[in-house]
């Protein structure tokens, strides 16, 4: 019997991996984003106040982590849609 796929053993990874693919095409970075999102969610769990669907809330956490990983801060985020496309 072969080794299970990365997402096969964990439904949360199955949910998060397609979201991570929106940020990068590099598999290693996708996995890092997924794992960092899970870790941040678990660390913040007592303080989280989910006011929407869980997948949307998890995406918000992943988005924040991705921006941190890319070194993008409020001061240097793209301001126009054309510039924003460069980061996809």
Protein backbone atom coordinates (compact mmCIF):
# COMPACT_ATOMS: atom_id res chain seq x y z
CA UNK A 1 0.00 0.00 0.00
CA UNK A 2 1.39 3.41 -0.97
CA UNK A 3 1.82 6.51 1.07
CA UNK A 4 -1.42 8.56 1.34
CA UNK A 5 -1.47 11.88 -0.50
CA UNK A 6 -0.82 15.09 1.41
CA UNK A 7 -4.53 15.95 1.62
CA UNK A 8 -5.97 12.44 1.89
CA UNK A 9 -5.38 12.14 5.63
CA UNK A 10 -6.80 15.56 6.54
CA UNK A 11 -10.02 17.17 5.27
CA UNK A 12 -8.78 20.58 6.42
CA UNK A 13 -5.76 20.29 4.14
CA UNK A 14 -8.12 19.29 1.32
CA UNK A 15 -10.02 22.54 1.89
CA UNK A 16 -6.95 24.75 2.24
CA UNK A 17 -4.73 23.47 -0.59
CA UNK A 18 -6.84 24.95 -3.43
CA UNK A 19 -6.80 28.27 -1.58
CA UNK A 20 -3.00 28.13 -1.30
CA UNK A 21 -2.76 27.50 -5.04
CA UNK A 22 -4.25 30.97 -5.56
CA UNK A 23 -1.14 32.50 -4.00
CA UNK A 24 1.65 30.44 -5.54
CA UNK A 25 2.31 27.73 -8.09
CA UNK A 26 5.17 26.30 -6.01
CA UNK A 27 4.05 23.12 -4.24
CA UNK A 28 6.43 23.57 -1.30
CA UNK A 29 5.11 27.09 -0.68
CA UNK A 30 1.52 25.86 -1.00
CA UNK A 31 2.14 23.23 1.67
CA UNK A 32 3.85 25.82 3.89
CA UNK A 33 0.85 28.16 3.54
CA UNK A 34 -1.54 25.34 4.43
CA UNK A 35 0.49 24.28 7.47
CA UNK A 36 1.02 27.87 8.64
CA UNK A 37 -2.71 28.55 8.27
CA UNK A 38 -3.60 25.48 10.32
CA UNK A 39 -1.02 26.41 12.96
CA UNK A 40 -2.20 30.05 13.15
CA UNK A 41 -5.84 28.95 13.34
CA UNK A 42 -5.15 26.54 16.19
CA UNK A 43 -3.05 29.10 18.05
CA UNK A 44 -5.76 31.76 17.66
CA UNK A 45 -8.75 29.47 18.17
CA UNK A 46 -9.84 30.76 21.59
CA UNK A 47 -9.79 34.35 20.28
CA UNK A 48 -11.31 33.79 16.84
CA UNK A 49 -14.76 35.13 16.18
CA UNK A 50 -15.93 33.53 12.96
CA UNK A 51 -18.73 35.65 11.57
CA UNK A 52 -18.93 33.92 8.20
CA UNK A 53 -18.43 30.56 6.52
CA UNK A 54 -15.38 28.74 7.88
CA UNK A 55 -13.69 28.49 4.48
CA UNK A 56 -13.88 32.27 4.08
CA UNK A 57 -12.44 32.83 7.55
CA UNK A 58 -9.61 30.36 6.86
CA UNK A 59 -8.91 32.14 3.58
CA UNK A 60 -8.57 35.45 5.47
CA UNK A 61 -5.99 33.86 7.77
CA UNK A 62 -4.11 32.35 4.82
CA UNK A 63 -4.23 35.68 2.95
CA UNK A 64 -2.63 37.46 5.90
CA UNK A 65 0.09 34.79 6.14
CA UNK A 66 0.76 34.90 2.38
CA UNK A 67 1.17 38.68 2.46
CA UNK A 68 3.62 38.33 5.36
CA UNK A 69 5.59 35.64 3.50
CA UNK A 70 5.77 37.85 0.39
CA UNK A 71 6.83 40.86 2.46
CA UNK A 72 3.77 42.85 1.42
CA UNK A 73 2.58 45.38 3.98
CA UNK A 74 -0.18 47.99 3.92
CA UNK A 75 2.33 50.56 2.74
CA UNK A 76 3.47 48.63 -0.31
CA UNK A 77 0.35 46.76 -1.48
CA UNK A 78 -0.69 47.24 -5.10
CA UNK A 79 -3.17 50.09 -5.44
CA UNK A 80 -4.61 49.43 -8.89
CA UNK A 81 -6.12 46.27 -10.35
CA UNK A 82 -3.35 46.14 -12.98
CA UNK A 83 -0.66 46.13 -10.30
CA UNK A 84 -2.58 43.57 -8.24
CA UNK A 85 -2.50 41.11 -11.16
CA UNK A 86 1.29 41.00 -10.95
CA UNK A 87 1.04 39.31 -7.55
CA UNK A 88 -1.23 36.47 -8.70
